Amino acid sequence: MFGFTEEQVASWGMSVGLGAFMLYMLFIIGELAYQSKAGKTGTFVLFFVLAFGMLGFVAKTIIEKVWGI
């Protein structure tokens, strides 16, 4: 596709595409906190709990880069 290999497209999708999706999910969590008038503590809890799964993906990516896997 446009001179790119399947591996390059998959790599781009996993890094840039999923990163953009994660930023969009953070925006949705922020809107949820704003719409529900959660306050500072409630907003922190929403971001911590709902974004905790994204932290694992980011940590995995960083570990792969550092260790050269």
PDB file of N, CA and C in Angstrom:
ATOM      1  N   MET A   1       0.841  -1.176   0.000  1.00  0.00           N
ATOM      2  CA  MET A   1       0.000   0.000   0.000  1.00  0.00           C
ATOM      3  C   MET A   1       0.887   1.240   0.000  1.00  0.00           C
ATOM      4  N   PHE A   2       0.872   1.985  -1.060  1.00  0.00           N
ATOM      5  CA  PHE A   2       1.650   3.213  -1.218  1.00  0.00           C
ATOM      6  C   PHE A   2       3.145   2.988  -0.991  1.00  0.00           C
ATOM      7  N   GLY A   3       3.637   1.806  -1.280  1.00  0.00           N
ATOM      8  CA  GLY A   3       5.059   1.516  -1.146  1.00  0.00           C
ATOM      9  C   GLY A   3       5.496   1.102   0.250  1.00  0.00           C
ATOM     10  N   PHE A   4       4.572   0.915   1.156  1.00  0.00           N
ATOM     11  CA  PHE A   4       4.909   0.488   2.508  1.00  0.00           C
ATOM     12  C   PHE A   4       4.657  -1.009   2.645  1.00  0.00           C
ATOM     13  N   THR A   5       5.464  -1.652   3.475  1.00  0.00           N
ATOM     14  CA  THR A   5       5.246  -3.068   3.740  1.00  0.00           C
ATOM     15  C   THR A   5       4.162  -3.233   4.805  1.00  0.00           C
ATOM     16  N   GLU A   6       3.668  -4.436   4.925  1.00  0.00           N
ATOM     17  CA  GLU A   6       2.638  -4.707   5.930  1.00  0.00           C
ATOM     18  C   GLU A   6       3.172  -4.465   7.335  1.00  0.00           C
ATOM     19  N   GLU A   7       4.436  -4.777   7.544  1.00  0.00           N
ATOM     20  CA  GLU A   7       5.050  -4.567   8.861  1.00  0.00           C
ATOM     21  C   GLU A   7       5.120  -3.084   9.208  1.00  0.00           C
ATOM     22  N   GLN A   8       5.454  -2.236   8.233  1.00  0.00           N
ATOM     23  CA  GLN A   8       5.528  -0.800   8.479  1.00  0.00           C
ATOM     24  C   GLN A   8       4.156  -0.215   8.799  1.00  0.00           C
ATOM     25  N   VAL A   9       3.130  -0.662   8.066  1.00  0.00           N
ATOM     26  CA  VAL A   9       1.774  -0.166   8.319  1.00  0.00           C
ATOM     27  C   VAL A   9       1.297  -0.603   9.698  1.00  0.00           C
ATOM     28  N   ALA A  10       1.574  -1.851  10.068  1.00  0.00           N
ATOM     29  CA  ALA A  10       1.170  -2.353  11.384  1.00  0.00           C
ATOM     30  C   ALA A  10       1.906  -1.624  12.505  1.00  0.00           C
ATOM     31  N   SER A  11       3.183  -1.367  12.309  1.00  0.00           N
ATOM     32  CA  SER A  11       3.970  -0.653  13.311  1.00  0.00           C
ATOM     33  C   SER A  11       3.445   0.769  13.494  1.00  0.00           C
ATOM     34  N   TRP A  12       3.140   1.421  12.399  1.00  0.00           N
ATOM     35  CA  TRP A  12       2.597   2.777  12.473  1.00  0.00           C
ATOM     36  C   TRP A  12       1.240   2.783  13.174  1.00  0.00           C
ATOM     37  N   GLY A  13       0.413   1.828  12.841  1.00  0.00           N
ATOM     38  CA  GLY A  13      -0.901   1.750  13.462  1.00  0.00           C
ATOM     39  C   GLY A  13      -0.818   1.495  14.952  1.00  0.00           C
ATOM     40  N   MET A  14       0.120   0.656  15.374  1.00  0.00           N
ATOM     41  CA  MET A  14       0.248   0.341  16.799  1.00  0.00           C
ATOM     42  C   MET A  14       0.838   1.500  17.592  1.00  0.00           C
ATOM     43  N   SER A  15       1.672   2.307  16.970  1.00  0.00           N
ATOM     44  CA  SER A  15       2.275   3.416  17.714  1.00  0.00           C
ATOM     45  C   SER A  15       1.460   4.694  17.574  1.00  0.00           C
ATOM     46  N   VAL A  16       1.334   5.202  16.375  1.00  0.00           N
ATOM     47  CA  VAL A  16       0.657   6.484  16.165  1.00  0.00           C
ATOM     48  C   VAL A  16      -0.860   6.337  16.273  1.00  0.00           C
ATOM     49  N   GLY A  17      -1.406   5.333  15.619  1.00  0.00           N
ATOM     50  CA  GLY A  17      -2.855   5.156  15.618  1.00  0.00           C
ATOM     51  C   GLY A  17      -3.409   4.883  17.000  1.00  0.00           C
ATOM     52  N   LEU A  18      -2.784   3.974  17.715  1.00  0.00           N
ATOM     53  CA  LEU A  18      -3.256   3.650  19.055  1.00  0.00           C
ATOM     54  C   LEU A  18      -2.969   4.789  20.028  1.00  0.00           C
ATOM     55  N   GLY A  19      -1.871   5.510  19.817  1.00  0.00           N
ATOM     56  CA  GLY A  19      -1.573   6.679  20.650  1.00  0.00           C
ATOM     57  C   GLY A  19      -2.630   7.762  20.493  1.00  0.00           C
ATOM     58  N   ALA A  20      -3.065   7.992  19.265  1.00  0.00           N
ATOM     59  CA  ALA A  20      -4.118   8.981  19.019  1.00  0.00           C
ATOM     60  C   ALA A  20      -5.429   8.527  19.655  1.00  0.00           C
ATOM     61  N   PHE A  21      -5.716   7.242  19.568  1.00  0.00           N
ATOM     62  CA  PHE A  21      -6.931   6.707  20.189  1.00  0.00           C
ATOM     63  C   PHE A  21      -6.873   6.861  21.706  1.00  0.00           C
ATOM     64  N   MET A  22      -5.705   6.669  22.302  1.00  0.00           N
ATOM     65  CA  MET A  22      -5.565   6.823  23.744  1.00  0.00           C
ATOM     66  C   MET A  22      -5.775   8.283  24.157  1.00  0.00           C
ATOM     67  N   LEU A  23      -5.264   9.224  23.373  1.00  0.00           N
ATOM     68  CA  LEU A  23      -5.500  10.637  23.675  1.00  0.00           C
ATOM     69  C   LEU A  23      -6.986  10.980  23.580  1.00  0.00           C
ATOM     70  N   TYR A  24      -7.669  10.406  22.596  1.00  0.00           N
ATOM     71  CA  TYR A  24      -9.102  10.625  22.462  1.00  0.00           C
ATOM     72  C   TYR A  24      -9.847  10.052  23.671  1.00  0.00           C
ATOM     73  N   MET A  25      -9.409   8.902  24.164  1.00  0.00           N
ATOM     74  CA  MET A  25     -10.042   8.315  25.340  1.00  0.00           C
ATOM     75  C   MET A  25      -9.822   9.197  26.571  1.00  0.00           C
ATOM     76  N   LEU A  26      -8.661   9.825  26.688  1.00  0.00           N
ATOM     77  CA  LEU A  26      -8.428  10.758  27.798  1.00  0.00           C
ATOM     78  C   LEU A  26      -9.364  11.962  27.694  1.00  0.00           C
ATOM     79  N   PHE A  27      -9.589  12.435  26.469  1.00  0.00           N
ATOM     80  CA  PHE A  27     -10.545  13.530  26.267  1.00  0.00           C
ATOM     81  C   PHE A  27     -11.942  13.105  26.713  1.00  0.00           C
ATOM     82  N   ILE A  28     -12.344  11.890  26.382  1.00  0.00           N
ATOM     83  CA  ILE A  28     -13.660  11.387  26.772  1.00  0.00           C
ATOM     84  C   ILE A  28     -13.773  11.294  28.297  1.00  0.00           C
ATOM     85  N   ILE A  29     -12.716  10.831  28.965  1.00  0.00           N
ATOM     86  CA  ILE A  29     -12.726  10.746  30.429  1.00  0.00           C
ATOM     87  C   ILE A  29     -12.854  12.142  31.031  1.00  0.00           C
ATOM     88  N   GLY A  30     -12.143  13.113  30.462  1.00  0.00           N
ATOM     89  CA  GLY A  30     -12.246  14.491  30.939  1.00  0.00           C
ATOM     90  C   GLY A  30     -13.646  15.053  30.759  1.00  0.00           C
ATOM     91  N   GLU A  31     -14.250  14.788  29.615  1.00  0.00           N
ATOM     92  CA  GLU A  31     -15.633  15.234  29.384  1.00  0.00           C
ATOM     93  C   GLU A  31     -16.595  14.568  30.357  1.00  0.00           C
ATOM     94  N   LEU A  32     -16.381  13.288  30.632  1.00  0.00           N
ATOM     95  CA  LEU A  32     -17.215  12.567  31.590  1.00  0.00           C
ATOM     96  C   LEU A  32     -17.108  13.200  32.978  1.00  0.00           C
ATOM     97  N   ALA A  33     -15.900  13.548  33.377  1.00  0.00           N
ATOM     98  CA  ALA A  33     -15.701  14.180  34.683  1.00  0.00           C
ATOM     99  C   ALA A  33     -16.363  15.556  34.719  1.00  0.00           C
ATOM    100  N   TYR A  34     -16.248  16.297  33.612  1.00  0.00           N
ATOM    101  CA  TYR A  34     -16.844  17.634  33.566  1.00  0.00           C
ATOM    102  C   TYR A  34     -18.365  17.566  33.579  1.00  0.00           C
ATOM    103  N   GLN A  35     -18.935  16.677  32.775  1.00  0.00           N
ATOM    104  CA  GLN A  35     -20.390  16.564  32.673  1.00  0.00           C
ATOM    105  C   GLN A  35     -21.017  16.088  33.987  1.00  0.00           C
ATOM    106  N   SER A  36     -20.296  15.228  34.709  1.00  0.00           N
ATOM    107  CA  SER A  36     -20.845  14.705  35.960  1.00  0.00           C
ATOM    108  C   SER A  36     -20.528  15.601  37.155  1.00  0.00           C
ATOM    109  N   LYS A  37     -19.773  16.681  36.935  1.00  0.00           N
ATOM    110  CA  LYS A  37     -19.381  17.612  38.005  1.00  0.00           C
ATOM    111  C   LYS A  37     -18.714  16.843  39.144  1.00  0.00           C
ATOM    112  N   ALA A  38     -17.702  16.064  38.781  1.00  0.00           N
ATOM    113  CA  ALA A  38     -17.063  15.149  39.718  1.00  0.00           C
ATOM    114  C   ALA A  38     -16.194  15.855  40.768  1.00  0.00           C
ATOM    115  N   GLY A  39     -15.733  17.039  40.502  1.00  0.00           N
ATOM    116  CA  GLY A  39     -14.827  17.705  41.433  1.00  0.00           C
ATOM    117  C   GLY A  39     -13.404  17.221  41.230  1.00  0.00           C
ATOM    118  N   LYS A  40     -12.504  17.739  42.052  1.00  0.00           N
ATOM    119  CA  LYS A  40     -11.088  17.391  41.882  1.00  0.00           C
ATOM    120  C   LYS A  40     -10.808  15.935  42.226  1.00  0.00           C
ATOM    121  N   THR A  41     -11.341  15.477  43.336  1.00  0.00           N
ATOM    122  CA  THR A  41     -11.092  14.094  43.757  1.00  0.00           C
ATOM    123  C   THR A  41     -11.742  13.104  42.798  1.00  0.00           C
ATOM    124  N   GLY A  42     -12.975  13.374  42.417  1.00  0.00           N
ATOM    125  CA  GLY A  42     -13.675  12.501  41.494  1.00  0.00           C
ATOM    126  C   GLY A  42     -13.005  12.446  40.133  1.00  0.00           C
ATOM    127  N   THR A  43     -12.519  13.590  39.661  1.00  0.00           N
ATOM    128  CA  THR A  43     -11.814  13.626  38.388  1.00  0.00           C
ATOM    129  C   THR A  43     -10.534  12.813  38.467  1.00  0.00           C
ATOM    130  N   PHE A  44      -9.818  12.943  39.570  1.00  0.00           N
ATOM    131  CA  PHE A  44      -8.595  12.156  39.748  1.00  0.00           C
ATOM    132  C   PHE A  44      -8.902  10.662  39.739  1.00  0.00           C
ATOM    133  N   VAL A  45      -9.947  10.263  40.443  1.00  0.00           N
ATOM    134  CA  VAL A  45     -10.318   8.849  40.496  1.00  0.00           C
ATOM    135  C   VAL A  45     -10.717   8.350  39.119  1.00  0.00           C
ATOM    136  N   LEU A  46     -11.495   9.129  38.378  1.00  0.00           N
ATOM    137  CA  LEU A  46     -11.887   8.733  37.025  1.00  0.00           C
ATOM    138  C   LEU A  46     -10.661   8.537  36.131  1.00  0.00           C
ATOM    139  N   PHE A  47      -9.757   9.516  36.143  1.00  0.00           N
ATOM    140  CA  PHE A  47      -8.563   9.398  35.300  1.00  0.00           C
ATOM    141  C   PHE A  47      -7.694   8.226  35.743  1.00  0.00           C
ATOM    142  N   PHE A  48      -7.540   8.034  37.050  1.00  0.00           N
ATOM    143  CA  PHE A  48      -6.681   6.963  37.548  1.00  0.00           C
ATOM    144  C   PHE A  48      -7.239   5.597  37.178  1.00  0.00           C
ATOM    145  N   VAL A  49      -8.513   5.390  37.440  1.00  0.00           N
ATOM    146  CA  VAL A  49      -9.114   4.073  37.229  1.00  0.00           C
ATOM    147  C   VAL A  49      -9.293   3.777  35.744  1.00  0.00           C
ATOM    148  N   LEU A  50      -9.862   4.721  34.997  1.00  0.00           N
ATOM    149  CA  LEU A  50     -10.171   4.457  33.601  1.00  0.00           C
ATOM    150  C   LEU A  50      -8.936   4.490  32.695  1.00  0.00           C
ATOM    151  N   ALA A  51      -7.914   5.230  33.089  1.00  0.00           N
ATOM    152  CA  ALA A  51      -6.715   5.320  32.262  1.00  0.00           C
ATOM    153  C   ALA A  51      -5.621   4.347  32.714  1.00  0.00           C
ATOM    154  N   PHE A  52      -5.896   3.543  33.744  1.00  0.00           N
ATOM    155  CA  PHE A  52      -4.874   2.639  34.274  1.00  0.00           C
ATOM    156  C   PHE A  52      -4.447   1.595  33.248  1.00  0.00           C
ATOM    157  N   GLY A  53      -5.377   1.118  32.438  1.00  0.00           N
ATOM    158  CA  GLY A  53      -5.045   0.131  31.411  1.00  0.00           C
ATOM    159  C   GLY A  53      -4.124   0.693  30.346  1.00  0.00           C
ATOM    160  N   MET A  54      -4.261   1.974  30.045  1.00  0.00           N
ATOM    161  CA  MET A  54      -3.385   2.603  29.047  1.00  0.00           C
ATOM    162  C   MET A  54      -1.956   2.679  29.557  1.00  0.00           C
ATOM    163  N   LEU A  55      -1.797   2.787  30.849  1.00  0.00           N
ATOM    164  CA  LEU A  55      -0.462   2.873  31.432  1.00  0.00           C
ATOM    165  C   LEU A  55       0.344   1.611  31.142  1.00  0.00           C
ATOM    166  N   GLY A  56      -0.309   0.459  31.162  1.00  0.00           N
ATOM    167  CA  GLY A  56       0.374  -0.795  30.847  1.00  0.00           C
ATOM    168  C   GLY A  56       0.894  -0.815  29.429  1.00  0.00           C
ATOM    169  N   PHE A  57       0.113  -0.312  28.480  1.00  0.00           N
ATOM    170  CA  PHE A  57       0.563  -0.271  27.090  1.00  0.00           C
ATOM    171  C   PHE A  57       1.742   0.680  26.925  1.00  0.00           C
ATOM    172  N   VAL A  58       1.680   1.833  27.570  1.00  0.00           N
ATOM    173  CA  VAL A  58       2.779   2.799  27.485  1.00  0.00           C
ATOM    174  C   VAL A  58       4.040   2.216  28.122  1.00  0.00           C
ATOM    175  N   ALA A  59       3.898   1.559  29.275  1.00  0.00           N
ATOM    176  CA  ALA A  59       5.054   0.944  29.945  1.00  0.00           C
ATOM    177  C   ALA A  59       5.662  -0.146  29.075  1.00  0.00           C
ATOM    178  N   LYS A  60       4.829  -0.954  28.423  1.00  0.00           N
ATOM    179  CA  LYS A  60       5.313  -2.010  27.542  1.00  0.00           C
ATOM    180  C   LYS A  60       6.135  -1.415  26.400  1.00  0.00           C
ATOM    181  N   THR A  61       5.649  -0.333  25.817  1.00  0.00           N
ATOM    182  CA  THR A  61       6.358   0.318  24.713  1.00  0.00           C
ATOM    183  C   THR A  61       7.706   0.872  25.174  1.00  0.00           C
ATOM    184  N   ILE A  62       7.721   1.498  26.346  1.00  0.00           N
ATOM    185  CA  ILE A  62       8.970   2.068  26.869  1.00  0.00           C
ATOM    186  C   ILE A  62       9.966   0.956  27.180  1.00  0.00           C
ATOM    187  N   ILE A  63       9.510  -0.122  27.797  1.00  0.00           N
ATOM    188  CA  ILE A  63      10.400  -1.246  28.124  1.00  0.00           C
ATOM    189  C   ILE A  63      10.984  -1.857  26.857  1.00  0.00           C
ATOM    190  N   GLU A  64      10.166  -1.995  25.820  1.00  0.00           N
ATOM    191  CA  GLU A  64      10.662  -2.545  24.552  1.00  0.00           C
ATOM    192  C   GLU A  64      11.744  -1.663  23.957  1.00  0.00           C
ATOM    193  N   LYS A  65      11.558  -0.338  24.017  1.00  0.00           N
ATOM    194  CA  LYS A  65      12.553   0.597  23.457  1.00  0.00           C
ATOM    195  C   LYS A  65      13.852   0.545  24.269  1.00  0.00           C
ATOM    196  N   VAL A  66      13.739   0.536  25.603  1.00  0.00           N
ATOM    197  CA  VAL A  66      14.918   0.558  26.470  1.00  0.00           C
ATOM    198  C   VAL A  66      15.707  -0.736  26.345  1.00  0.00           C
ATOM    199  N   TRP A  67      15.036  -1.866  26.352  1.00  0.00           N
ATOM    200  CA  TRP A  67      15.702  -3.158  26.293  1.00  0.00           C
ATOM    201  C   TRP A  67      16.044  -3.599  24.882  1.00  0.00           C
ATOM    202  N   GLY A  68      15.520  -2.881  23.891  1.00  0.00           N
ATOM    203  CA  GLY A  68      15.814  -3.223  22.495  1.00  0.00           C
ATOM    204  C   GLY A  68      15.169  -4.506  22.036  1.00  0.00           C
ATOM    205  N   ILE A  69      13.989  -4.786  22.548  1.00  0.00           N
ATOM    206  CA  ILE A  69      13.290  -6.024  22.181  1.00  0.00           C
ATOM    207  C   ILE A  69      12.593  -5.826  20.847  1.00  0.00           C
TER     208      ILE A  69
END
